Amino acid sequence: MQLPDAEMAAVLTEAGFSAQVAGLHLEFTRALSEGRIRAREERGPRNTTATRFEAFADELAAAYQAG
């Protein structure tokens, strides 16, 4: 889900981000979206694991809930 920058900045500051960090986050995600930040090499056996994102997300969520 994409939000306009001003709305995303408000969400981030309401979540506890400082205005400066919220702005830097927006700058970073904009650079990713525009392709100014990208991987230096293609995915392959050397830099890819067999772990699916869904498995990692479940583990991360469980750790967060336990903490």
PDB file of N, CA and C in Angstrom:
ATOM      1  N   MET A   1       0.847  -1.174   0.000  1.00  0.00           N
ATOM      2  CA  MET A   1       0.000   0.000   0.000  1.00  0.00           C
ATOM      3  C   MET A   1       0.889   1.232   0.000  1.00  0.00           C
ATOM      4  N   GLN A   2       0.683   2.103  -0.943  1.00  0.00           N
ATOM      5  CA  GLN A   2       1.453   3.333  -1.002  1.00  0.00           C
ATOM      6  C   GLN A   2       0.635   4.480  -0.411  1.00  0.00           C
ATOM      7  N   LEU A   3       1.337   5.318   0.333  1.00  0.00           N
ATOM      8  CA  LEU A   3       0.724   6.519   0.906  1.00  0.00           C
ATOM      9  C   LEU A   3       1.452   7.735   0.373  1.00  0.00           C
ATOM     10  N   PRO A   4       0.767   8.856   0.245  1.00  0.00           N
ATOM     11  CA  PRO A   4       1.469  10.101  -0.089  1.00  0.00           C
ATOM     12  C   PRO A   4       2.512  10.402   0.993  1.00  0.00           C
ATOM     13  N   ASP A   5       3.602  11.039   0.600  1.00  0.00           N
ATOM     14  CA  ASP A   5       4.696  11.310   1.537  1.00  0.00           C
ATOM     15  C   ASP A   5       4.227  11.976   2.828  1.00  0.00           C
ATOM     16  N   ALA A   6       3.367  12.972   2.721  1.00  0.00           N
ATOM     17  CA  ALA A   6       2.915  13.696   3.919  1.00  0.00           C
ATOM     18  C   ALA A   6       2.149  12.769   4.856  1.00  0.00           C
ATOM     19  N   GLU A   7       1.334  11.891   4.283  1.00  0.00           N
ATOM     20  CA  GLU A   7       0.573  10.969   5.109  1.00  0.00           C
ATOM     21  C   GLU A   7       1.494   9.936   5.771  1.00  0.00           C
ATOM     22  N   MET A   8       2.472   9.443   5.011  1.00  0.00           N
ATOM     23  CA  MET A   8       3.418   8.475   5.571  1.00  0.00           C
ATOM     24  C   MET A   8       4.255   9.121   6.658  1.00  0.00           C
ATOM     25  N   ALA A   9       4.674  10.358   6.461  1.00  0.00           N
ATOM     26  CA  ALA A   9       5.444  11.067   7.484  1.00  0.00           C
ATOM     27  C   ALA A   9       4.622  11.203   8.760  1.00  0.00           C
ATOM     28  N   ALA A  10       3.340  11.481   8.628  1.00  0.00           N
ATOM     29  CA  ALA A  10       2.468  11.598   9.804  1.00  0.00           C
ATOM     30  C   ALA A  10       2.348  10.254  10.521  1.00  0.00           C
ATOM     31  N   VAL A  11       2.204   9.178   9.765  1.00  0.00           N
ATOM     32  CA  VAL A  11       2.121   7.840  10.368  1.00  0.00           C
ATOM     33  C   VAL A  11       3.406   7.535  11.136  1.00  0.00           C
ATOM     34  N   LEU A  12       4.541   7.831  10.518  1.00  0.00           N
ATOM     35  CA  LEU A  12       5.825   7.543  11.168  1.00  0.00           C
ATOM     36  C   LEU A  12       6.022   8.376  12.438  1.00  0.00           C
ATOM     37  N   THR A  13       5.681   9.650  12.388  1.00  0.00           N
ATOM     38  CA  THR A  13       5.866  10.482  13.581  1.00  0.00           C
ATOM     39  C   THR A  13       4.885  10.086  14.674  1.00  0.00           C
ATOM     40  N   GLU A  14       3.686   9.671  14.300  1.00  0.00           N
ATOM     41  CA  GLU A  14       2.735   9.177  15.303  1.00  0.00           C
ATOM     42  C   GLU A  14       3.233   7.884  15.946  1.00  0.00           C
ATOM     43  N   ALA A  15       4.034   7.133  15.201  1.00  0.00           N
ATOM     44  CA  ALA A  15       4.597   5.880  15.717  1.00  0.00           C
ATOM     45  C   ALA A  15       5.854   6.117  16.546  1.00  0.00           C
ATOM     46  N   GLY A  16       6.305   7.376  16.625  1.00  0.00           N
ATOM     47  CA  GLY A  16       7.449   7.691  17.473  1.00  0.00           C
ATOM     48  C   GLY A  16       8.712   8.117  16.743  1.00  0.00           C
ATOM     49  N   PHE A  17       8.697   8.113  15.414  1.00  0.00           N
ATOM     50  CA  PHE A  17       9.858   8.582  14.658  1.00  0.00           C
ATOM     51  C   PHE A  17       9.969  10.095  14.826  1.00  0.00           C
ATOM     52  N   SER A  18      11.179  10.598  14.874  1.00  0.00           N
ATOM     53  CA  SER A  18      11.339  12.053  14.839  1.00  0.00           C
ATOM     54  C   SER A  18      11.010  12.510  13.424  1.00  0.00           C
ATOM     55  N   ALA A  19      10.708  13.791  13.254  1.00  0.00           N
ATOM     56  CA  ALA A  19      10.408  14.330  11.926  1.00  0.00           C
ATOM     57  C   ALA A  19      11.596  14.132  10.992  1.00  0.00           C
ATOM     58  N   GLN A  20      12.809  14.283  11.520  1.00  0.00           N
ATOM     59  CA  GLN A  20      14.010  14.123  10.694  1.00  0.00           C
ATOM     60  C   GLN A  20      14.149  12.676  10.211  1.00  0.00           C
ATOM     61  N   VAL A  21      13.986  11.716  11.109  1.00  0.00           N
ATOM     62  CA  VAL A  21      14.118  10.306  10.726  1.00  0.00           C
ATOM     63  C   VAL A  21      12.994   9.910   9.774  1.00  0.00           C
ATOM     64  N   ALA A  22      11.789  10.404   9.995  1.00  0.00           N
ATOM     65  CA  ALA A  22      10.682  10.123   9.079  1.00  0.00           C
ATOM     66  C   ALA A  22      11.020  10.638   7.684  1.00  0.00           C
ATOM     67  N   GLY A  23      11.571  11.827   7.601  1.00  0.00           N
ATOM     68  CA  GLY A  23      11.972  12.390   6.310  1.00  0.00           C
ATOM     69  C   GLY A  23      13.058  11.576   5.637  1.00  0.00           C
ATOM     70  N   LEU A  24      14.025  11.111   6.413  1.00  0.00           N
ATOM     71  CA  LEU A  24      15.091  10.275   5.855  1.00  0.00           C
ATOM     72  C   LEU A  24      14.550   8.939   5.362  1.00  0.00           C
ATOM     73  N   HIS A  25      13.599   8.384   6.099  1.00  0.00           N
ATOM     74  CA  HIS A  25      12.967   7.136   5.674  1.00  0.00           C
ATOM     75  C   HIS A  25      12.249   7.334   4.343  1.00  0.00           C
ATOM     76  N   LEU A  26      11.526   8.420   4.219  1.00  0.00           N
ATOM     77  CA  LEU A  26      10.823   8.711   2.966  1.00  0.00           C
ATOM     78  C   LEU A  26      11.818   8.891   1.813  1.00  0.00           C
ATOM     79  N   GLU A  27      12.912   9.561   2.079  1.00  0.00           N
ATOM     80  CA  GLU A  27      13.938   9.749   1.053  1.00  0.00           C
ATOM     81  C   GLU A  27      14.503   8.396   0.605  1.00  0.00           C
ATOM     82  N   PHE A  28      14.756   7.516   1.568  1.00  0.00           N
ATOM     83  CA  PHE A  28      15.291   6.195   1.283  1.00  0.00           C
ATOM     84  C   PHE A  28      14.309   5.371   0.449  1.00  0.00           C
ATOM     85  N   THR A  29      13.048   5.314   0.877  1.00  0.00           N
ATOM     86  CA  THR A  29      12.082   4.496   0.148  1.00  0.00           C
ATOM     87  C   THR A  29      11.798   5.067  -1.244  1.00  0.00           C
ATOM     88  N   ARG A  30      11.849   6.386  -1.385  1.00  0.00           N
ATOM     89  CA  ARG A  30      11.678   6.998  -2.703  1.00  0.00           C
ATOM     90  C   ARG A  30      12.823   6.592  -3.624  1.00  0.00           C
ATOM     91  N   ALA A  31      14.054   6.591  -3.084  1.00  0.00           N
ATOM     92  CA  ALA A  31      15.215   6.186  -3.884  1.00  0.00           C
ATOM     93  C   ALA A  31      15.102   4.723  -4.309  1.00  0.00           C
ATOM     94  N   LEU A  32      14.613   3.865  -3.420  1.00  0.00           N
ATOM     95  CA  LEU A  32      14.392   2.461  -3.791  1.00  0.00           C
ATOM     96  C   LEU A  32      13.364   2.363  -4.913  1.00  0.00           C
ATOM     97  N   SER A  33      12.263   3.055  -4.761  1.00  0.00           N
ATOM     98  CA  SER A  33      11.179   3.002  -5.748  1.00  0.00           C
ATOM     99  C   SER A  33      11.624   3.521  -7.114  1.00  0.00           C
ATOM    100  N   GLU A  34      12.481   4.516  -7.104  1.00  0.00           N
ATOM    101  CA  GLU A  34      12.942   5.124  -8.358  1.00  0.00           C
ATOM    102  C   GLU A  34      14.121   4.380  -8.965  1.00  0.00           C
ATOM    103  N   GLY A  35      14.606   3.342  -8.299  1.00  0.00           N
ATOM    104  CA  GLY A  35      15.716   2.560  -8.833  1.00  0.00           C
ATOM    105  C   GLY A  35      17.080   3.184  -8.624  1.00  0.00           C
ATOM    106  N   ARG A  36      17.161   4.221  -7.801  1.00  0.00           N
ATOM    107  CA  ARG A  36      18.464   4.837  -7.518  1.00  0.00           C
ATOM    108  C   ARG A  36      19.278   4.010  -6.531  1.00  0.00           C
ATOM    109  N   ILE A  37      18.614   3.109  -5.808  1.00  0.00           N
ATOM    110  CA  ILE A  37      19.277   2.148  -4.935  1.00  0.00           C
ATOM    111  C   ILE A  37      18.878   0.778  -5.458  1.00  0.00           C
ATOM    112  N   ARG A  38      19.849  -0.040  -5.755  1.00  0.00           N
ATOM    113  CA  ARG A  38      19.550  -1.369  -6.274  1.00  0.00           C
ATOM    114  C   ARG A  38      20.672  -2.331  -5.912  1.00  0.00           C
ATOM    115  N   ALA A  39      20.391  -3.607  -6.077  1.00  0.00           N
ATOM    116  CA  ALA A  39      21.372  -4.636  -5.767  1.00  0.00           C
ATOM    117  C   ALA A  39      22.599  -4.478  -6.671  1.00  0.00           C
ATOM    118  N   ARG A  40      23.744  -4.793  -6.129  1.00  0.00           N
ATOM    119  CA  ARG A  40      24.966  -4.702  -6.921  1.00  0.00           C
ATOM    120  C   ARG A  40      25.191  -5.944  -7.760  1.00  0.00           C
ATOM    121  N   GLU A  41      24.488  -7.027  -7.412  1.00  0.00           N
ATOM    122  CA  GLU A  41      24.604  -8.241  -8.209  1.00  0.00           C
ATOM    123  C   GLU A  41      23.273  -8.972  -8.206  1.00  0.00           C
ATOM    124  N   GLU A  42      23.079  -9.809  -9.204  1.00  0.00           N
ATOM    125  CA  GLU A  42      21.854 -10.586  -9.317  1.00  0.00           C
ATOM    126  C   GLU A  42      21.795 -11.637  -8.218  1.00  0.00           C
ATOM    127  N   ARG A  43      20.590 -12.100  -7.916  1.00  0.00           N
ATOM    128  CA  ARG A  43      20.432 -13.187  -6.949  1.00  0.00           C
ATOM    129  C   ARG A  43      20.933 -14.479  -7.566  1.00  0.00           C
ATOM    130  N   GLY A  44      21.555 -15.284  -6.739  1.00  0.00           N
ATOM    131  CA  GLY A  44      22.064 -16.567  -7.201  1.00  0.00           C
ATOM    132  C   GLY A  44      22.345 -17.461  -6.006  1.00  0.00           C
ATOM    133  N   PRO A  45      22.862 -18.658  -6.231  1.00  0.00           N
ATOM    134  CA  PRO A  45      23.113 -19.602  -5.130  1.00  0.00           C
ATOM    135  C   PRO A  45      24.047 -19.048  -4.051  1.00  0.00           C
ATOM    136  N   ARG A  46      24.996 -18.195  -4.435  1.00  0.00           N
ATOM    137  CA  ARG A  46      25.934 -17.632  -3.459  1.00  0.00           C
ATOM    138  C   ARG A  46      25.295 -16.663  -2.476  1.00  0.00           C
ATOM    139  N   ASN A  47      24.227 -15.976  -2.894  1.00  0.00           N
ATOM    140  CA  ASN A  47      23.658 -14.930  -2.037  1.00  0.00           C
ATOM    141  C   ASN A  47      22.169 -15.129  -1.743  1.00  0.00           C
ATOM    142  N   THR A  48      21.662 -16.346  -1.940  1.00  0.00           N
ATOM    143  CA  THR A  48      20.251 -16.633  -1.710  1.00  0.00           C
ATOM    144  C   THR A  48      20.128 -17.866  -0.822  1.00  0.00           C
ATOM    145  N   THR A  49      19.249 -17.799   0.162  1.00  0.00           N
ATOM    146  CA  THR A  49      19.024 -18.959   1.027  1.00  0.00           C
ATOM    147  C   THR A  49      17.718 -19.645   0.649  1.00  0.00           C
ATOM    148  N   ALA A  50      17.526 -20.817   1.192  1.00  0.00           N
ATOM    149  CA  ALA A  50      16.299 -21.565   0.917  1.00  0.00           C
ATOM    150  C   ALA A  50      15.133 -21.112   1.792  1.00  0.00           C
ATOM    151  N   THR A  51      15.389 -20.222   2.748  1.00  0.00           N
ATOM    152  CA  THR A  51      14.345 -19.761   3.665  1.00  0.00           C
ATOM    153  C   THR A  51      13.350 -18.877   2.915  1.00  0.00           C
ATOM    154  N   ARG A  52      12.082 -19.254   2.968  1.00  0.00           N
ATOM    155  CA  ARG A  52      11.034 -18.445   2.357  1.00  0.00           C
ATOM    156  C   ARG A  52      10.728 -17.251   3.259  1.00  0.00           C
ATOM    157  N   PHE A  53      10.323 -16.143   2.684  1.00  0.00           N
ATOM    158  CA  PHE A  53       9.999 -14.959   3.469  1.00  0.00           C
ATOM    159  C   PHE A  53       8.905 -15.261   4.477  1.00  0.00           C
ATOM    160  N   GLU A  54       7.900 -16.038   4.070  1.00  0.00           N
ATOM    161  CA  GLU A  54       6.795 -16.357   4.967  1.00  0.00           C
ATOM    162  C   GLU A  54       7.291 -17.069   6.225  1.00  0.00           C
ATOM    163  N   ALA A  55       8.250 -17.968   6.090  1.00  0.00           N
ATOM    164  CA  ALA A  55       8.801 -18.675   7.254  1.00  0.00           C
ATOM    165  C   ALA A  55       9.547 -17.704   8.162  1.00  0.00           C
ATOM    166  N   PHE A  56      10.303 -16.818   7.570  1.00  0.00           N
ATOM    167  CA  PHE A  56      11.030 -15.819   8.346  1.00  0.00           C
ATOM    168  C   PHE A  56      10.060 -14.878   9.049  1.00  0.00           C
ATOM    169  N   ALA A  57       9.014 -14.463   8.336  1.00  0.00           N
ATOM    170  CA  ALA A  57       8.045 -13.530   8.918  1.00  0.00           C
ATOM    171  C   ALA A  57       7.339 -14.162  10.110  1.00  0.00           C
ATOM    172  N   ASP A  58       6.974 -15.439  10.000  1.00  0.00           N
ATOM    173  CA  ASP A  58       6.333 -16.126  11.124  1.00  0.00           C
ATOM    174  C   ASP A  58       7.265 -16.183  12.327  1.00  0.00           C
ATOM    175  N   GLU A  59       8.531 -16.498  12.083  1.00  0.00           N
ATOM    176  CA  GLU A  59       9.521 -16.574  13.168  1.00  0.00           C
ATOM    177  C   GLU A  59       9.736 -15.193  13.803  1.00  0.00           C
ATOM    178  N   LEU A  60       9.828 -14.184  12.987  1.00  0.00           N
ATOM    179  CA  LEU A  60      10.017 -12.822  13.479  1.00  0.00           C
ATOM    180  C   LEU A  60       8.805 -12.374  14.305  1.00  0.00           C
ATOM    181  N   ALA A  61       7.609 -12.651  13.819  1.00  0.00           N
ATOM    182  CA  ALA A  61       6.388 -12.281  14.535  1.00  0.00           C
ATOM    183  C   ALA A  61       6.322 -12.994  15.881  1.00  0.00           C
ATOM    184  N   ALA A  62       6.689 -14.269  15.912  1.00  0.00           N
ATOM    185  CA  ALA A  62       6.677 -15.033  17.173  1.00  0.00           C
ATOM    186  C   ALA A  62       7.672 -14.444  18.164  1.00  0.00           C
ATOM    187  N   ALA A  63       8.855 -14.087  17.686  1.00  0.00           N
ATOM    188  CA  ALA A  63       9.862 -13.498  18.570  1.00  0.00           C
ATOM    189  C   ALA A  63       9.392 -12.147  19.099  1.00  0.00           C
ATOM    190  N   TYR A  64       8.747 -11.361  18.240  1.00  0.00           N
ATOM    191  CA  TYR A  64       8.244 -10.056  18.653  1.00  0.00           C
ATOM    192  C   TYR A  64       7.168 -10.204  19.716  1.00  0.00           C
ATOM    193  N   GLN A  65       6.260 -11.145  19.516  1.00  0.00           N
ATOM    194  CA  GLN A  65       5.176 -11.364  20.469  1.00  0.00           C
ATOM    195  C   GLN A  65       5.690 -11.902  21.790  1.00  0.00           C
ATOM    196  N   ALA A  66       6.773 -12.682  21.752  1.00  0.00           N
ATOM    197  CA  ALA A  66       7.347 -13.254  22.980  1.00  0.00           C
ATOM    198  C   ALA A  66       8.132 -12.214  23.761  1.00  0.00           C
ATOM    199  N   GLY A  67       8.636 -11.185  23.066  1.00  0.00           N
ATOM    200  CA  GLY A  67       9.493 -10.192  23.700  1.00  0.00           C
ATOM    201  C   GLY A  67       8.742  -9.195  24.428  1.00  0.00           C
TER     202      GLY A  67
END
